[in-house]
Amino acid sequence: MRFSFPQKLSKVTHLILVQSLLITASTAFSETLTLQQALSEASHSPQVSKAEAYRDEIVWKKVEAVSAFLPTITGNINYLTNKKYALTDIDLGGSPASVPQIVPTTNYTLSARWNVFDGFASTNRFWAAQAFEKSANLEYDWAKFQTDRQVLLAYYKFLAAEQVKLVAEQNLKALKDHAKDVEALKKAGMSTQYDLLRTQVQYSEAEAEAVNADDQIANARNKLAEVLGKDVEDRTPTGNLPVLTADLISKKKTTAKKLDLLALQKRSEGLNYSAHAMSRHWIPKVSLFADYSFYNNRTDEFDYQDEAFRESYLVGATLSWELFNGFGSMAKSGQAEAQALQLEKTTRMADLKAKNDLDFWTRKYNYYISLYKSKTTDIDRSNEAARLAKVGRKAGMRTNTEVLDAQADVFRSKAAQINAQIGAIEALVNIELATGETYYSFIQ
């Protein structure tokens, strides 16, 4: 039975070629996306917008804390539509009389209250609001930094997937050409069935890798759209993968400047101030007050009349002492203290994780840098090996299988080099996330 390799895999081959043509055509007409554009759009991502909204919320809470130091002014207008006065009995020398307690039908009131002293509870609330505001600002800065790194990594993974796809297509084309050569040599009696079967196996693997490359592009495209806060991302990334070096992370690395850890510390500080504020419930409070009334208790008229309306006012001070409130304030103070302790432990856990991540990704970075160097050398070696294999086959000293293996090594080395590059980029991004510092400017 005669077997023709290209015809056997023609359907799958045509499918791969059609997909490649469609991708190439869509890329040619699609809008491109630069790294700088992607990073500028990251400021509008949901993660950053959420942090910004939280920061605005905390700013208003600080305004609320400041309001405790300012007087409150209240205005009221009362008008009685119906009434029955209460009576007071008076004995006027043996002649009892009932005197109605006249209430103003119309009363315009202006009241002012000013808390002068509350045991420094308001002061502690203000300090708590300041700490929360600093925490919110740090969280906002961290959200921007984190989102930028996520966008950067997603962008380069997208770019790497495109490059791996190109290598897979080149490998597929080379194997197809090689299959034709094997078929022709087999007809001439210069190749064997083993060579043909060997080519089939590698061709099948190359097809699977080409399909996987398409999947990786789709996944990378969706991830980039996700971190940018978009439903879809139709643009194509441009540029090249940066070549990183080992000396980028040579300086001493620490987690002391990690913004999210600093934000947790400030939030814990704010909760401690809140606990102190709530514990001041047992201290007497002093406030000043003033009330002014413009009232009419002569007629039932609502509008202003000189002969009907009168004035009155009160000015004074109040000393109040809450002796017992059912342990409500004590419970709130205890809750704030417990929350502060939780945050302290959360900060400690996050710091330990950051240190472990830093050590892990530092090792990974050094590994990928070493791997990239070796694969760069392997590409030159495999190219030379492929050339020698072709020369040897013409001289009858090498087989088609050896030529095929040498060519496969070339494409494997190229794909491994790209994967090593993106691995080093991912490791460096995670090192920056673990330390909160920038080690490399990806926008040159």
Protein backbone atom coordinates (compact mmCIF):
# COMPACT_ATOMS: atom_id res chain seq x y z
CA MET A 1 0.00 0.00 0.00
CA ARG A 2 1.45 3.29 -1.08
CA PHE A 3 1.50 5.99 1.63
CA SER A 4 1.79 9.69 0.85
CA PHE A 5 2.62 11.80 3.91
CA PRO A 6 1.37 15.19 2.74
CA GLN A 7 -1.95 13.73 1.49
CA LYS A 8 -2.49 11.82 4.72
CA LEU A 9 -2.34 14.97 6.82
CA SER A 10 -3.77 17.35 4.26
CA LYS A 11 -6.95 18.20 6.18
CA VAL A 12 -5.17 19.10 9.36
CA THR A 13 -2.45 20.88 7.41
CA HIS A 14 -5.00 22.92 5.49
CA LEU A 15 -6.73 23.83 8.75
CA ILE A 16 -3.46 25.02 10.29
CA LEU A 17 -2.55 26.97 7.17
CA VAL A 18 -6.00 28.60 6.99
CA GLN A 19 -5.77 29.57 10.65
CA SER A 20 -2.31 31.00 10.09
CA LEU A 21 -3.49 32.99 7.09
CA LEU A 22 -6.46 34.34 9.02
CA ILE A 23 -4.25 35.34 11.94
CA THR A 24 -1.74 36.95 9.58
CA ALA A 25 -4.49 38.80 7.73
CA SER A 26 -6.19 39.98 10.90
CA THR A 27 -2.85 41.10 12.32
CA ALA A 28 -2.09 43.06 9.19
CA PHE A 29 -5.35 45.02 9.43
CA SER A 30 -5.73 45.16 13.21
CA GLU A 31 -4.70 48.10 15.32
CA THR A 32 -1.40 47.78 17.11
CA LEU A 33 -0.83 48.30 20.82
CA THR A 34 2.38 49.60 22.35
CA LEU A 35 3.47 48.93 25.91
CA GLN A 36 3.24 52.62 26.74
CA GLN A 37 -0.38 52.71 25.54
CA ALA A 38 -1.24 49.66 27.60
CA LEU A 39 0.31 51.14 30.74
CA SER A 40 -1.48 54.45 30.23
CA GLU A 41 -4.81 52.61 29.92
CA ALA A 42 -4.05 50.65 33.11
CA SER A 43 -4.92 53.75 35.17
CA HIS A 44 -8.59 53.19 34.21
CA SER A 45 -8.68 49.53 35.19
CA PRO A 46 -11.30 48.38 37.76
CA GLN A 47 -8.60 47.63 40.33
CA VAL A 48 -7.23 51.18 40.23
CA SER A 49 -10.71 52.74 40.05
CA LYS A 50 -11.79 50.75 43.10
CA ALA A 51 -8.75 51.93 45.08
CA GLU A 52 -9.45 55.51 44.00
CA ALA A 53 -13.07 55.27 45.15
CA TYR A 54 -11.94 53.86 48.51
CA ARG A 55 -9.50 56.74 48.88
CA ASP A 56 -12.33 59.23 48.23
CA GLU A 57 -14.45 57.46 50.85
CA ILE A 58 -11.70 57.82 53.45
CA VAL A 59 -11.26 61.51 52.62
CA TRP A 60 -14.93 62.09 53.42
CA LYS A 61 -14.54 60.13 56.65
CA LYS A 62 -11.76 62.52 57.61
CA VAL A 63 -14.12 65.44 56.95
CA GLU A 64 -16.60 63.71 59.24
CA ALA A 65 -13.93 63.48 61.95
CA VAL A 66 -13.11 67.20 61.60
CA SER A 67 -16.79 68.08 62.02
CA ALA A 68 -16.58 67.05 65.70
CA PHE A 69 -14.47 70.17 66.39
CA LEU A 70 -16.98 72.55 64.80
CA PRO A 71 -20.27 73.85 66.22
CA THR A 72 -23.59 72.60 64.93
CA ILE A 73 -26.33 75.09 64.04
CA THR A 74 -29.94 74.02 63.69
CA GLY A 75 -32.98 75.98 62.56
CA ASN A 76 -36.61 74.99 63.20
CA ILE A 77 -40.03 76.38 62.38
CA ASN A 78 -43.02 75.11 64.36
CA TYR A 79 -46.67 75.93 63.69
CA LEU A 80 -49.53 74.42 65.69
CA THR A 81 -52.61 73.70 63.60
CA ASN A 82 -54.70 72.68 66.62
CA LYS A 83 -54.17 72.83 70.36
CA LYS A 84 -55.67 72.47 73.78
CA TYR A 85 -53.65 74.15 76.49
CA ALA A 86 -52.72 72.40 79.69
CA LEU A 87 -54.13 74.11 82.78
CA THR A 88 -52.37 74.96 86.00
CA ASP A 89 -54.49 75.43 89.14
CA ILE A 90 -53.59 78.43 91.30
CA ASP A 91 -55.11 79.45 94.65
CA LEU A 92 -55.41 83.24 94.76
CA GLY A 93 -56.29 83.92 98.40
CA GLY A 94 -59.15 81.49 98.59
CA SER A 95 -60.17 81.99 94.99
CA PRO A 96 -58.91 79.05 92.92
CA ALA A 97 -58.16 79.72 89.26
CA SER A 98 -56.99 77.62 86.29
CA VAL A 99 -54.33 79.30 84.18
CA PRO A 100 -53.64 77.89 80.71
CA GLN A 101 -50.04 77.13 79.82
CA ILE A 102 -49.89 79.07 76.62
CA VAL A 103 -47.66 77.54 73.94
CA PRO A 104 -46.57 79.61 70.93
CA THR A 105 -48.60 78.86 67.84
CA THR A 106 -45.71 79.94 65.62
CA ASN A 107 -42.11 79.52 66.71
CA TYR A 108 -38.90 80.22 64.76
CA THR A 109 -35.91 78.70 66.56
CA LEU A 110 -32.16 78.87 65.94
CA SER A 111 -29.95 76.59 68.08
CA ALA A 112 -26.17 76.25 68.30
CA ARG A 113 -24.15 73.52 70.04
CA TRP A 114 -20.38 73.29 70.47
CA ASN A 115 -18.62 70.41 72.18
CA VAL A 116 -15.70 71.92 74.08
CA PHE A 117 -14.31 68.79 75.73
CA ASP A 118 -15.07 65.09 75.24
CA GLY A 119 -12.06 63.43 76.83
CA PHE A 120 -10.05 63.76 73.59
CA ALA A 121 -12.31 61.23 71.88
CA SER A 122 -12.71 63.54 68.87
CA THR A 123 -8.95 64.07 68.76
CA ASN A 124 -8.34 60.33 68.63
CA ARG A 125 -10.97 59.95 65.91
CA PHE A 126 -9.22 62.63 63.89
CA TRP A 127 -5.86 60.88 64.30
CA ALA A 128 -7.53 57.64 63.25
CA ALA A 129 -8.95 59.34 60.16
CA GLN A 130 -5.50 60.68 59.28
CA ALA A 131 -3.98 57.20 59.57
CA PHE A 132 -6.78 55.72 57.44
CA GLU A 133 -6.24 58.44 54.83
CA LYS A 134 -2.51 57.65 54.62
CA SER A 135 -3.39 53.96 54.35
CA ALA A 136 -5.86 54.66 51.52
CA ASN A 137 -3.27 56.73 49.63
CA LEU A 138 -0.72 53.94 49.98
CA GLU A 139 -3.27 51.36 48.80
CA TYR A 140 -4.08 53.54 45.80
CA ASP A 141 -0.39 53.85 44.88
CA TRP A 142 0.04 50.10 45.37
CA ALA A 143 -2.98 49.35 43.17
CA LYS A 144 -1.44 51.46 40.38
CA PHE A 145 1.96 49.81 40.80
CA GLN A 146 0.46 46.31 40.93
CA THR A 147 -1.79 46.92 37.93
CA ASP A 148 1.10 48.33 35.89
CA ARG A 149 3.11 45.18 36.60
CA GLN A 150 0.18 42.94 35.72
CA VAL A 151 -0.39 44.78 32.45
CA LEU A 152 3.31 44.69 31.65
CA LEU A 153 3.52 40.93 32.23
CA ALA A 154 0.31 40.24 30.30
CA TYR A 155 1.57 42.39 27.41
CA TYR A 156 4.87 40.54 27.13
CA LYS A 157 3.20 37.15 27.50
CA PHE A 158 0.97 38.13 24.59
CA LEU A 159 4.02 39.19 22.60
CA ALA A 160 5.88 35.98 23.50
CA ALA A 161 2.89 33.86 22.46
CA GLU A 162 2.92 35.59 19.08
CA GLN A 163 6.63 34.82 18.67
CA VAL A 164 6.22 31.19 19.74
CA LYS A 165 3.41 30.90 17.21
CA LEU A 166 5.73 32.19 14.47
CA VAL A 167 8.38 29.63 15.45
CA ALA A 168 5.75 26.86 15.43
CA GLU A 169 4.63 27.87 11.95
CA GLN A 170 8.22 27.89 10.71
CA ASN A 171 8.76 24.45 12.21
CA LEU A 172 5.57 23.16 10.60
CA LYS A 173 6.58 24.52 7.21
CA ALA A 174 10.09 23.04 7.49
CA LEU A 175 8.65 19.63 8.41
CA LYS A 176 6.25 19.80 5.49
CA ASP A 177 9.14 20.53 3.10
CA HIS A 178 11.14 17.76 4.70
CA ALA A 179 8.22 15.37 4.25
CA LYS A 180 8.24 16.10 0.54
CA ASP A 181 11.98 15.39 0.40
CA VAL A 182 11.56 12.11 2.28
CA GLU A 183 8.75 11.06 -0.04
CA ALA A 184 10.85 11.83 -3.10
CA LEU A 185 13.91 10.09 -1.68
CA LYS A 186 11.84 7.06 -0.75
CA LYS A 187 10.68 6.76 -4.34
CA ALA A 188 14.30 6.94 -5.46
CA GLY A 189 15.25 4.27 -2.95
CA MET A 190 17.41 6.66 -0.93
CA SER A 191 15.11 6.84 2.10
CA THR A 192 13.38 4.25 4.23
CA GLN A 193 9.98 3.71 5.78
CA TYR A 194 11.59 4.49 9.15
CA ASP A 195 12.48 7.99 7.94
CA LEU A 196 8.93 8.52 6.76
CA LEU A 197 7.39 7.34 10.02
CA ARG A 198 9.82 9.47 11.97
CA THR A 199 8.78 12.51 9.95
CA GLN A 200 5.10 11.72 10.56
CA VAL A 201 5.62 11.64 14.31
CA GLN A 202 7.43 14.95 14.41
CA TYR A 203 4.91 16.52 12.05
CA SER A 204 2.04 15.46 14.32
CA GLU A 205 3.81 16.97 17.30
CA ALA A 206 4.42 20.18 15.35
CA GLU A 207 0.73 20.41 14.48
CA ALA A 208 -0.23 20.03 18.12
CA GLU A 209 2.29 22.70 19.08
CA ALA A 210 0.85 25.04 16.45
CA VAL A 211 -2.66 24.57 17.86
CA ASN A 212 -1.32 25.08 21.38
CA ALA A 213 0.38 28.27 20.24
CA ASP A 214 -2.99 29.58 19.02
CA ASP A 215 -4.50 28.74 22.40
CA GLN A 216 -1.70 30.55 24.20
CA ILE A 217 -2.30 33.65 22.08
CA ALA A 218 -6.02 33.57 22.89
CA ASN A 219 -5.32 33.12 26.61
CA ALA A 220 -2.76 35.92 26.62
CA ARG A 221 -5.13 38.23 24.74
CA ASN A 222 -7.94 37.54 27.23
CA LYS A 223 -5.63 38.08 30.21
CA LEU A 224 -4.47 41.43 28.84
CA ALA A 225 -8.08 42.49 28.32
CA GLU A 226 -8.91 41.42 31.88
CA VAL A 227 -6.16 43.45 33.56
CA LEU A 228 -7.06 46.45 31.40
CA GLY A 229 -10.69 46.13 32.46
CA LYS A 230 -11.99 45.47 28.95
CA ASP A 231 -14.31 42.80 27.57
CA VAL A 232 -12.11 42.12 24.57
CA GLU A 233 -8.69 43.20 23.31
CA ASP A 234 -8.42 43.21 19.52
CA ARG A 235 -5.15 45.07 19.16
CA THR A 236 -1.82 43.37 18.47
CA PRO A 237 1.23 44.07 20.66
CA THR A 238 4.34 45.44 19.03
CA GLY A 239 8.01 45.49 19.91
CA ASN A 240 10.47 42.88 21.12
CA LEU A 241 10.98 41.02 24.35
CA PRO A 242 13.63 42.77 26.46
CA VAL A 243 16.87 40.95 27.16
CA LEU A 244 17.43 41.08 30.92
CA THR A 245 20.70 40.61 32.74
CA ALA A 246 21.63 39.14 36.12
CA ASP A 247 23.02 42.43 37.49
CA LEU A 248 19.55 44.05 37.47
CA ILE A 249 18.80 42.51 40.87
CA SER A 250 22.32 42.72 42.25
CA LYS A 251 21.47 45.44 44.78
CA LYS A 252 20.14 44.52 48.21
CA LYS A 253 16.44 43.71 48.14
CA THR A 254 14.03 44.31 51.02
CA THR A 255 10.28 44.35 51.62
CA ALA A 256 10.45 47.48 53.82
CA LYS A 257 9.16 49.74 51.03
CA LYS A 258 6.29 47.50 49.97
CA LEU A 259 3.31 49.85 49.79
CA ASP A 260 0.62 47.33 50.69
CA LEU A 261 2.48 46.42 53.90
CA LEU A 262 2.84 50.10 54.80
CA ALA A 263 -0.89 50.56 54.12
CA LEU A 264 -1.75 47.71 56.50
CA GLN A 265 0.46 49.23 59.19
CA LYS A 266 -1.27 52.60 58.84
CA ARG A 267 -4.71 51.00 58.96
CA SER A 268 -3.74 49.13 62.14
CA GLU A 269 -2.56 52.43 63.61
CA GLY A 270 -5.91 54.00 62.75
CA LEU A 271 -7.82 51.19 64.48
CA ASN A 272 -5.76 51.69 67.64
CA TYR A 273 -6.71 55.38 67.64
CA SER A 274 -10.35 54.40 67.12
CA ALA A 275 -10.15 52.07 70.12
CA HIS A 276 -8.74 54.90 72.25
CA ALA A 277 -11.54 57.21 71.10
CA MET A 278 -14.24 54.70 72.07
CA SER A 279 -12.66 54.11 75.48
CA ARG A 280 -13.24 57.78 76.43
CA HIS A 281 -16.95 57.24 77.05
CA TRP A 282 -16.49 57.40 80.86
CA ILE A 283 -14.97 60.92 80.81
CA PRO A 284 -17.38 63.87 81.40
CA LYS A 285 -18.15 66.00 78.37
CA VAL A 286 -18.54 69.76 78.31
CA SER A 287 -20.45 71.67 75.63
CA LEU A 288 -21.73 75.19 75.10
CA PHE A 289 -25.18 75.97 73.76
CA ALA A 290 -27.25 78.94 72.62
CA ASP A 291 -30.93 79.00 71.60
CA TYR A 292 -32.83 81.89 70.06
CA SER A 293 -36.61 81.87 69.54
CA PHE A 294 -38.86 84.26 67.63
CA TYR A 295 -42.36 83.21 68.60
CA ASN A 296 -46.04 84.18 68.57
CA ASN A 297 -48.12 83.07 71.53
CA ARG A 298 -50.74 85.81 71.18
CA THR A 299 -52.47 84.95 67.96
CA ASP A 300 -52.75 82.03 65.58
CA GLU A 301 -51.21 83.94 62.71
CA PHE A 302 -48.28 82.33 60.84
CA ASP A 303 -46.91 85.45 59.13
CA TYR A 304 -44.85 88.09 60.85
CA GLN A 305 -46.61 90.81 62.86
CA ASP A 306 -44.76 93.30 65.04
CA GLU A 307 -47.32 93.33 67.80
CA ALA A 308 -47.68 89.53 67.98
CA PHE A 309 -44.13 88.12 67.83
CA ARG A 310 -41.68 88.13 70.72
CA GLU A 311 -38.04 87.12 71.24
CA SER A 312 -36.31 84.85 73.72
CA TYR A 313 -32.88 83.31 74.04
CA LEU A 314 -30.84 80.96 76.21
CA VAL A 315 -27.04 80.74 76.56
CA GLY A 316 -25.25 78.25 78.78
CA ALA A 317 -23.01 75.25 79.25
CA THR A 318 -23.71 71.56 79.72
CA LEU A 319 -21.75 68.96 81.64
CA SER A 320 -22.80 65.42 80.77
CA TRP A 321 -21.42 62.21 82.16
CA GLU A 322 -22.42 58.88 80.74
CA LEU A 323 -22.25 56.60 83.76
CA PHE A 324 -23.52 53.42 82.13
CA ASN A 325 -24.54 52.54 78.58
CA GLY A 326 -24.84 48.78 78.81
CA PHE A 327 -21.13 48.24 77.95
CA GLY A 328 -21.81 49.37 74.37
CA SER A 329 -18.82 51.73 74.15
CA MET A 330 -16.59 49.20 75.87
CA ALA A 331 -17.63 46.56 73.35
CA LYS A 332 -16.86 48.87 70.40
CA SER A 333 -13.47 49.70 71.86
CA GLY A 334 -12.71 46.00 72.29
CA GLN A 335 -13.76 45.30 68.70
CA ALA A 336 -11.41 47.99 67.38
CA GLU A 337 -8.52 46.62 69.44
CA ALA A 338 -9.19 43.09 68.17
CA GLN A 339 -9.35 44.35 64.56
CA ALA A 340 -6.05 46.18 65.04
CA LEU A 341 -4.46 42.98 66.34
CA GLN A 342 -5.81 41.06 63.35
CA LEU A 343 -4.30 43.59 60.99
CA GLU A 344 -0.95 43.38 62.76
CA LYS A 345 -0.93 39.62 62.25
CA THR A 346 -2.11 40.02 58.66
CA THR A 347 0.76 42.44 58.05
CA ARG A 348 3.19 39.96 59.55
CA MET A 349 1.85 37.15 57.34
CA ALA A 350 2.03 39.34 54.24
CA ASP A 351 5.60 40.34 55.08
CA LEU A 352 6.67 36.71 55.49
CA LYS A 353 5.01 35.78 52.20
CA ALA A 354 6.70 38.70 50.43
CA LYS A 355 10.10 37.59 51.71
CA ASN A 356 9.49 34.01 50.58
CA ASP A 357 8.25 35.25 47.19
CA LEU A 358 11.33 37.44 46.89
CA ASP A 359 13.66 34.50 47.53
CA PHE A 360 11.70 32.20 45.20
CA TRP A 361 11.54 34.61 42.27
CA THR A 362 15.16 35.68 42.71
CA ARG A 363 16.19 32.07 42.22
CA LYS A 364 13.82 31.76 39.26
CA TYR A 365 15.20 34.93 37.71
CA ASN A 366 18.78 33.70 37.91
CA TYR A 367 17.69 30.36 36.47
CA TYR A 368 15.92 31.91 33.48
CA ILE A 369 18.81 34.29 32.80
CA SER A 370 21.15 31.28 32.73
CA LEU A 371 18.67 29.33 30.59
CA TYR A 372 18.34 32.21 28.12
CA LYS A 373 22.11 32.39 27.70
CA SER A 374 22.39 28.63 27.14
CA LYS A 375 19.50 28.58 24.65
CA THR A 376 21.00 31.50 22.75
CA THR A 377 24.17 29.47 22.39
CA ASP A 378 22.12 26.37 21.55
CA ILE A 379 20.47 28.20 18.65
CA ASP A 380 23.85 28.86 17.05
CA ARG A 381 24.95 25.31 17.73
CA SER A 382 21.76 23.74 16.44
CA ASN A 383 21.87 25.89 13.28
CA GLU A 384 25.41 24.74 12.64
CA ALA A 385 24.44 21.13 13.42
CA ALA A 386 21.54 21.36 10.95
CA ARG A 387 23.84 22.74 8.28
CA LEU A 388 26.37 19.97 8.83
CA ALA A 389 23.63 17.36 8.81
CA LYS A 390 22.39 18.58 5.41
CA VAL A 391 25.94 18.60 4.05
CA GLY A 392 26.52 15.12 5.47
CA ARG A 393 23.32 13.80 3.92
CA LYS A 394 24.40 15.03 0.51
CA ALA A 395 27.73 13.29 1.03
CA GLY A 396 25.95 10.13 2.16
CA MET A 397 27.33 10.35 5.69
CA ARG A 398 24.10 11.42 7.43
CA THR A 399 20.54 10.14 7.28
CA ASN A 400 17.30 12.02 6.78
CA THR A 401 16.41 11.26 10.38
CA GLU A 402 19.54 13.00 11.60
CA VAL A 403 18.75 16.01 9.43
CA LEU A 404 15.21 16.07 10.79
CA ASP A 405 16.41 15.86 14.40
CA ALA A 406 18.91 18.66 13.82
CA GLN A 407 16.24 20.93 12.36
CA ALA A 408 13.87 20.11 15.22
CA ASP A 409 16.59 21.13 17.67
CA VAL A 410 16.77 24.55 16.00
CA PHE A 411 13.08 25.29 16.52
CA ARG A 412 13.04 23.80 20.02
CA SER A 413 15.96 26.04 20.96
CA LYS A 414 14.19 29.12 19.56
CA ALA A 415 10.98 28.34 21.45
CA ALA A 416 12.95 27.63 24.63
CA GLN A 417 14.79 30.93 24.26
CA ILE A 418 11.49 32.83 24.05
CA ASN A 419 10.09 30.94 27.04
CA ALA A 420 13.28 31.73 28.99
CA GLN A 421 12.90 35.43 28.14
CA ILE A 422 9.30 35.61 29.30
CA GLY A 423 10.21 33.53 32.35
CA ALA A 424 12.87 36.08 33.32
CA ILE A 425 10.40 38.94 32.77
CA GLU A 426 7.78 37.22 34.92
CA ALA A 427 10.36 36.58 37.66
CA LEU A 428 11.51 40.22 37.61
CA VAL A 429 7.93 41.50 37.77
CA ASN A 430 7.26 39.29 40.79
CA ILE A 431 10.48 40.50 42.43
CA GLU A 432 9.25 44.06 41.97
CA LEU A 433 5.86 43.11 43.43
CA ALA A 434 7.59 41.46 46.39
CA THR A 435 9.74 44.53 47.13
CA GLY A 436 7.60 47.38 45.83
CA GLU A 437 10.57 48.74 43.89
CA THR A 438 11.27 49.14 40.18
CA TYR A 439 14.42 47.43 38.94
CA TYR A 440 14.06 47.89 35.20
CA SER A 441 12.40 50.44 32.97
CA PHE A 442 10.66 48.40 30.31
CA ILE A 443 9.81 51.56 28.35
CA GLN A 444 13.14 52.56 26.82
